[in-house]
Amino acid sequence: MERLRKKDAEEGITARPMTDEQKRAVAEVRSLYDSKIAEQHVLQESAMKGPLTADSAQIDEVVRQFRRERERLASERDVKVEKIRRGEL
């Protein structure tokens, strides 16, 4: 850890502790996106129990679709958290 801090200092990168407001905003964003991801999981489970279970190609497509959506949501969450940390939001 110390080596990474030293490298950051050499490159001019400084670490600032987050304010309480930033911490609250990050917690809100994480909570919101965690609930959206959980919702996607429930929707996927529901779709898997439906009439699609007869065809493995349809099952694979449902799994891919929900995986992409979860990855998109996680990416959005991470971008927003990083913006909050930088003080852009």
N, C-alpha and C. Protein backbone atom coordinates (compact mmCIF):
# COMPACT_ATOMS: atom_id res chain seq x y z
N MET A 1 0.82 -1.17 0.00
CA MET A 1 0.00 0.00 0.00
C MET A 1 0.87 1.25 0.00
N GLU A 2 1.88 1.23 0.82
CA GLU A 2 2.78 2.39 0.91
C GLU A 2 3.47 2.64 -0.43
N ARG A 3 3.84 1.58 -1.09
CA ARG A 3 4.50 1.71 -2.40
C ARG A 3 3.56 2.38 -3.40
N LEU A 4 2.28 2.01 -3.37
CA LEU A 4 1.31 2.63 -4.26
C LEU A 4 1.11 4.11 -3.94
N ARG A 5 1.08 4.44 -2.65
CA ARG A 5 0.96 5.85 -2.26
C ARG A 5 2.16 6.65 -2.75
N LYS A 6 3.34 6.06 -2.62
CA LYS A 6 4.56 6.73 -3.06
C LYS A 6 4.53 6.94 -4.58
N LYS A 7 4.09 5.93 -5.31
CA LYS A 7 4.00 6.05 -6.76
C LYS A 7 3.00 7.13 -7.14
N ASP A 8 1.85 7.16 -6.48
CA ASP A 8 0.85 8.20 -6.74
C ASP A 8 1.42 9.59 -6.45
N ALA A 9 2.15 9.71 -5.36
CA ALA A 9 2.74 11.00 -4.99
C ALA A 9 3.74 11.45 -6.05
N GLU A 10 4.51 10.52 -6.57
CA GLU A 10 5.49 10.84 -7.61
C GLU A 10 4.79 11.30 -8.89
N GLU A 11 3.60 10.77 -9.16
CA GLU A 11 2.86 11.12 -10.36
C GLU A 11 1.95 12.32 -10.14
N GLY A 12 1.99 12.88 -8.93
CA GLY A 12 1.18 14.07 -8.65
C GLY A 12 -0.25 13.77 -8.30
N ILE A 13 -0.56 12.54 -7.99
CA ILE A 13 -1.92 12.16 -7.63
C ILE A 13 -2.05 12.26 -6.11
N THR A 14 -3.01 13.02 -5.66
CA THR A 14 -3.21 13.15 -4.23
C THR A 14 -4.54 12.52 -3.84
N ALA A 15 -4.55 11.92 -2.69
CA ALA A 15 -5.77 11.29 -2.18
C ALA A 15 -6.43 12.24 -1.20
N ARG A 16 -7.70 12.51 -1.45
CA ARG A 16 -8.46 13.35 -0.54
C ARG A 16 -9.52 12.49 0.10
N PRO A 17 -9.67 12.61 1.40
CA PRO A 17 -10.76 11.84 2.02
C PRO A 17 -12.11 12.38 1.56
N MET A 18 -13.06 11.49 1.45
CA MET A 18 -14.40 11.90 1.03
C MET A 18 -15.11 12.63 2.16
N THR A 19 -15.92 13.60 1.77
CA THR A 19 -16.73 14.30 2.76
C THR A 19 -17.90 13.41 3.16
N ASP A 20 -18.57 13.80 4.24
CA ASP A 20 -19.75 13.04 4.67
C ASP A 20 -20.82 13.07 3.60
N GLU A 21 -20.96 14.19 2.91
CA GLU A 21 -21.95 14.30 1.84
C GLU A 21 -21.62 13.35 0.69
N GLN A 22 -20.33 13.26 0.34
CA GLN A 22 -19.92 12.34 -0.72
C GLN A 22 -20.16 10.90 -0.30
N LYS A 23 -19.86 10.57 0.94
CA LYS A 23 -20.09 9.22 1.43
C LYS A 23 -21.57 8.86 1.36
N ARG A 24 -22.43 9.83 1.74
CA ARG A 24 -23.87 9.60 1.69
C ARG A 24 -24.33 9.40 0.25
N ALA A 25 -23.81 10.23 -0.66
CA ALA A 25 -24.19 10.12 -2.07
C ALA A 25 -23.74 8.79 -2.66
N VAL A 26 -22.54 8.35 -2.32
CA VAL A 26 -22.04 7.06 -2.81
C VAL A 26 -22.91 5.92 -2.28
N ALA A 27 -23.29 6.01 -1.00
CA ALA A 27 -24.14 4.97 -0.42
C ALA A 27 -25.50 4.93 -1.12
N GLU A 28 -26.05 6.10 -1.44
CA GLU A 28 -27.33 6.15 -2.15
C GLU A 28 -27.23 5.52 -3.54
N VAL A 29 -26.17 5.87 -4.26
CA VAL A 29 -25.98 5.33 -5.61
C VAL A 29 -25.82 3.81 -5.55
N ARG A 30 -24.99 3.34 -4.64
CA ARG A 30 -24.79 1.90 -4.51
C ARG A 30 -26.10 1.19 -4.15
N SER A 31 -26.84 1.76 -3.23
CA SER A 31 -28.11 1.16 -2.82
C SER A 31 -29.08 1.10 -4.00
N LEU A 32 -29.19 2.19 -4.73
CA LEU A 32 -30.10 2.25 -5.88
C LEU A 32 -29.73 1.18 -6.92
N TYR A 33 -28.45 1.13 -7.27
CA TYR A 33 -28.04 0.18 -8.32
C TYR A 33 -28.04 -1.26 -7.81
N ASP A 34 -27.75 -1.47 -6.53
CA ASP A 34 -27.86 -2.83 -5.99
C ASP A 34 -29.30 -3.32 -6.06
N SER A 35 -30.26 -2.41 -5.82
CA SER A 35 -31.67 -2.83 -5.91
C SER A 35 -32.06 -3.09 -7.36
N LYS A 36 -31.53 -2.31 -8.30
CA LYS A 36 -31.83 -2.55 -9.71
C LYS A 36 -31.24 -3.88 -10.17
N ILE A 37 -30.05 -4.20 -9.70
CA ILE A 37 -29.41 -5.47 -10.05
C ILE A 37 -30.19 -6.63 -9.43
N ALA A 38 -30.65 -6.46 -8.20
CA ALA A 38 -31.46 -7.50 -7.56
C ALA A 38 -32.77 -7.71 -8.33
N GLU A 39 -33.34 -6.60 -8.80
CA GLU A 39 -34.57 -6.69 -9.59
C GLU A 39 -34.31 -7.50 -10.87
N GLN A 40 -33.18 -7.27 -11.50
CA GLN A 40 -32.83 -8.02 -12.71
C GLN A 40 -32.70 -9.52 -12.39
N HIS A 41 -32.13 -9.81 -11.25
CA HIS A 41 -31.99 -11.22 -10.84
C HIS A 41 -33.36 -11.87 -10.68
N VAL A 42 -34.28 -11.17 -10.03
CA VAL A 42 -35.64 -11.70 -9.84
C VAL A 42 -36.32 -11.89 -11.20
N LEU A 43 -36.17 -10.91 -12.09
CA LEU A 43 -36.78 -11.03 -13.41
C LEU A 43 -36.21 -12.22 -14.18
N GLN A 44 -34.89 -12.43 -14.05
CA GLN A 44 -34.29 -13.57 -14.73
C GLN A 44 -34.81 -14.88 -14.16
N GLU A 45 -34.89 -14.97 -12.86
CA GLU A 45 -35.41 -16.20 -12.24
C GLU A 45 -36.84 -16.46 -12.70
N SER A 46 -37.63 -15.40 -12.78
CA SER A 46 -39.02 -15.55 -13.23
C SER A 46 -39.08 -16.02 -14.68
N ALA A 47 -38.24 -15.44 -15.53
CA ALA A 47 -38.21 -15.83 -16.94
C ALA A 47 -37.76 -17.27 -17.11
N MET A 48 -36.87 -17.71 -16.25
CA MET A 48 -36.36 -19.08 -16.36
C MET A 48 -37.40 -20.11 -15.95
N LYS A 49 -38.38 -19.71 -15.15
CA LYS A 49 -39.42 -20.64 -14.71
C LYS A 49 -40.59 -20.69 -15.68
N GLY A 50 -40.59 -19.79 -16.64
CA GLY A 50 -41.70 -19.70 -17.58
C GLY A 50 -41.61 -20.75 -18.67
N PRO A 51 -42.36 -20.55 -19.74
CA PRO A 51 -42.42 -21.52 -20.83
C PRO A 51 -41.12 -21.60 -21.64
N LEU A 52 -40.18 -20.70 -21.40
CA LEU A 52 -38.93 -20.72 -22.14
C LEU A 52 -38.03 -21.91 -21.78
N THR A 53 -38.30 -22.53 -20.67
CA THR A 53 -37.42 -23.60 -20.20
C THR A 53 -37.38 -24.80 -21.13
N ALA A 54 -38.25 -24.86 -22.12
CA ALA A 54 -38.27 -25.99 -23.04
C ALA A 54 -37.15 -25.90 -24.08
N ASP A 55 -36.66 -24.71 -24.38
CA ASP A 55 -35.67 -24.53 -25.43
C ASP A 55 -34.38 -23.96 -24.83
N SER A 56 -33.30 -24.72 -24.96
CA SER A 56 -32.04 -24.28 -24.36
C SER A 56 -31.47 -23.03 -25.04
N ALA A 57 -31.74 -22.84 -26.32
CA ALA A 57 -31.27 -21.63 -27.01
C ALA A 57 -31.95 -20.39 -26.44
N GLN A 58 -33.23 -20.50 -26.15
CA GLN A 58 -33.95 -19.37 -25.55
C GLN A 58 -33.44 -19.10 -24.14
N ILE A 59 -33.16 -20.15 -23.41
CA ILE A 59 -32.62 -20.00 -22.06
C ILE A 59 -31.28 -19.27 -22.11
N ASP A 60 -30.40 -19.69 -23.03
CA ASP A 60 -29.11 -19.04 -23.17
C ASP A 60 -29.25 -17.57 -23.52
N GLU A 61 -30.21 -17.24 -24.38
CA GLU A 61 -30.43 -15.84 -24.77
C GLU A 61 -30.93 -15.02 -23.58
N VAL A 62 -31.83 -15.59 -22.79
CA VAL A 62 -32.33 -14.90 -21.60
C VAL A 62 -31.18 -14.64 -20.63
N VAL A 63 -30.33 -15.63 -20.42
CA VAL A 63 -29.19 -15.48 -19.52
C VAL A 63 -28.26 -14.39 -20.03
N ARG A 64 -27.95 -14.40 -21.33
CA ARG A 64 -27.07 -13.37 -21.91
C ARG A 64 -27.67 -11.98 -21.77
N GLN A 65 -28.95 -11.87 -22.05
CA GLN A 65 -29.62 -10.58 -21.98
C GLN A 65 -29.56 -10.00 -20.56
N PHE A 66 -29.88 -10.82 -19.57
CA PHE A 66 -29.87 -10.35 -18.19
C PHE A 66 -28.44 -10.07 -17.71
N ARG A 67 -27.47 -10.85 -18.17
CA ARG A 67 -26.08 -10.61 -17.80
C ARG A 67 -25.62 -9.25 -18.33
N ARG A 68 -25.97 -8.96 -19.60
CA ARG A 68 -25.60 -7.66 -20.18
C ARG A 68 -26.23 -6.51 -19.40
N GLU A 69 -27.48 -6.68 -19.02
CA GLU A 69 -28.17 -5.62 -18.28
C GLU A 69 -27.53 -5.41 -16.91
N ARG A 70 -27.20 -6.50 -16.23
CA ARG A 70 -26.54 -6.36 -14.92
C ARG A 70 -25.17 -5.70 -15.07
N GLU A 71 -24.42 -6.07 -16.10
CA GLU A 71 -23.11 -5.44 -16.33
C GLU A 71 -23.26 -3.96 -16.64
N ARG A 72 -24.28 -3.60 -17.41
CA ARG A 72 -24.53 -2.19 -17.74
C ARG A 72 -24.84 -1.41 -16.47
N LEU A 73 -25.70 -1.97 -15.62
CA LEU A 73 -26.05 -1.30 -14.38
C LEU A 73 -24.84 -1.15 -13.46
N ALA A 74 -24.03 -2.20 -13.37
CA ALA A 74 -22.83 -2.12 -12.53
C ALA A 74 -21.86 -1.07 -13.07
N SER A 75 -21.73 -0.99 -14.37
CA SER A 75 -20.85 0.01 -14.98
C SER A 75 -21.36 1.42 -14.70
N GLU A 76 -22.66 1.64 -14.87
CA GLU A 76 -23.24 2.95 -14.57
C GLU A 76 -22.99 3.33 -13.11
N ARG A 77 -23.19 2.36 -12.23
CA ARG A 77 -22.97 2.60 -10.80
C ARG A 77 -21.54 3.03 -10.54
N ASP A 78 -20.59 2.31 -11.11
CA ASP A 78 -19.19 2.61 -10.88
C ASP A 78 -18.80 3.98 -11.41
N VAL A 79 -19.34 4.36 -12.56
CA VAL A 79 -19.06 5.68 -13.14
C VAL A 79 -19.60 6.77 -12.22
N LYS A 80 -20.82 6.60 -11.73
CA LYS A 80 -21.40 7.61 -10.85
C LYS A 80 -20.64 7.72 -9.54
N VAL A 81 -20.23 6.60 -8.98
CA VAL A 81 -19.47 6.63 -7.74
C VAL A 81 -18.14 7.36 -7.96
N GLU A 82 -17.48 7.08 -9.06
CA GLU A 82 -16.21 7.74 -9.34
C GLU A 82 -16.40 9.25 -9.52
N LYS A 83 -17.46 9.66 -10.17
CA LYS A 83 -17.74 11.09 -10.34
C LYS A 83 -17.98 11.76 -8.99
N ILE A 84 -18.68 11.08 -8.11
CA ILE A 84 -18.92 11.62 -6.77
C ILE A 84 -17.60 11.78 -6.04
N ARG A 85 -16.75 10.78 -6.13
CA ARG A 85 -15.45 10.85 -5.45
C ARG A 85 -14.60 12.00 -5.97
N ARG A 86 -14.70 12.29 -7.27
CA ARG A 86 -13.94 13.39 -7.85
C ARG A 86 -14.60 14.73 -7.62
N GLY A 87 -15.81 14.71 -7.07
CA GLY A 87 -16.52 15.95 -6.79
C GLY A 87 -17.25 16.52 -7.99
N GLU A 88 -17.52 15.70 -9.00
CA GLU A 88 -18.19 16.16 -10.21
C GLU A 88 -19.70 16.14 -10.09
N LEU A 89 -20.24 15.42 -9.14
CA LEU A 89 -21.70 15.37 -8.96
C LEU A 89 -22.10 16.04 -7.68
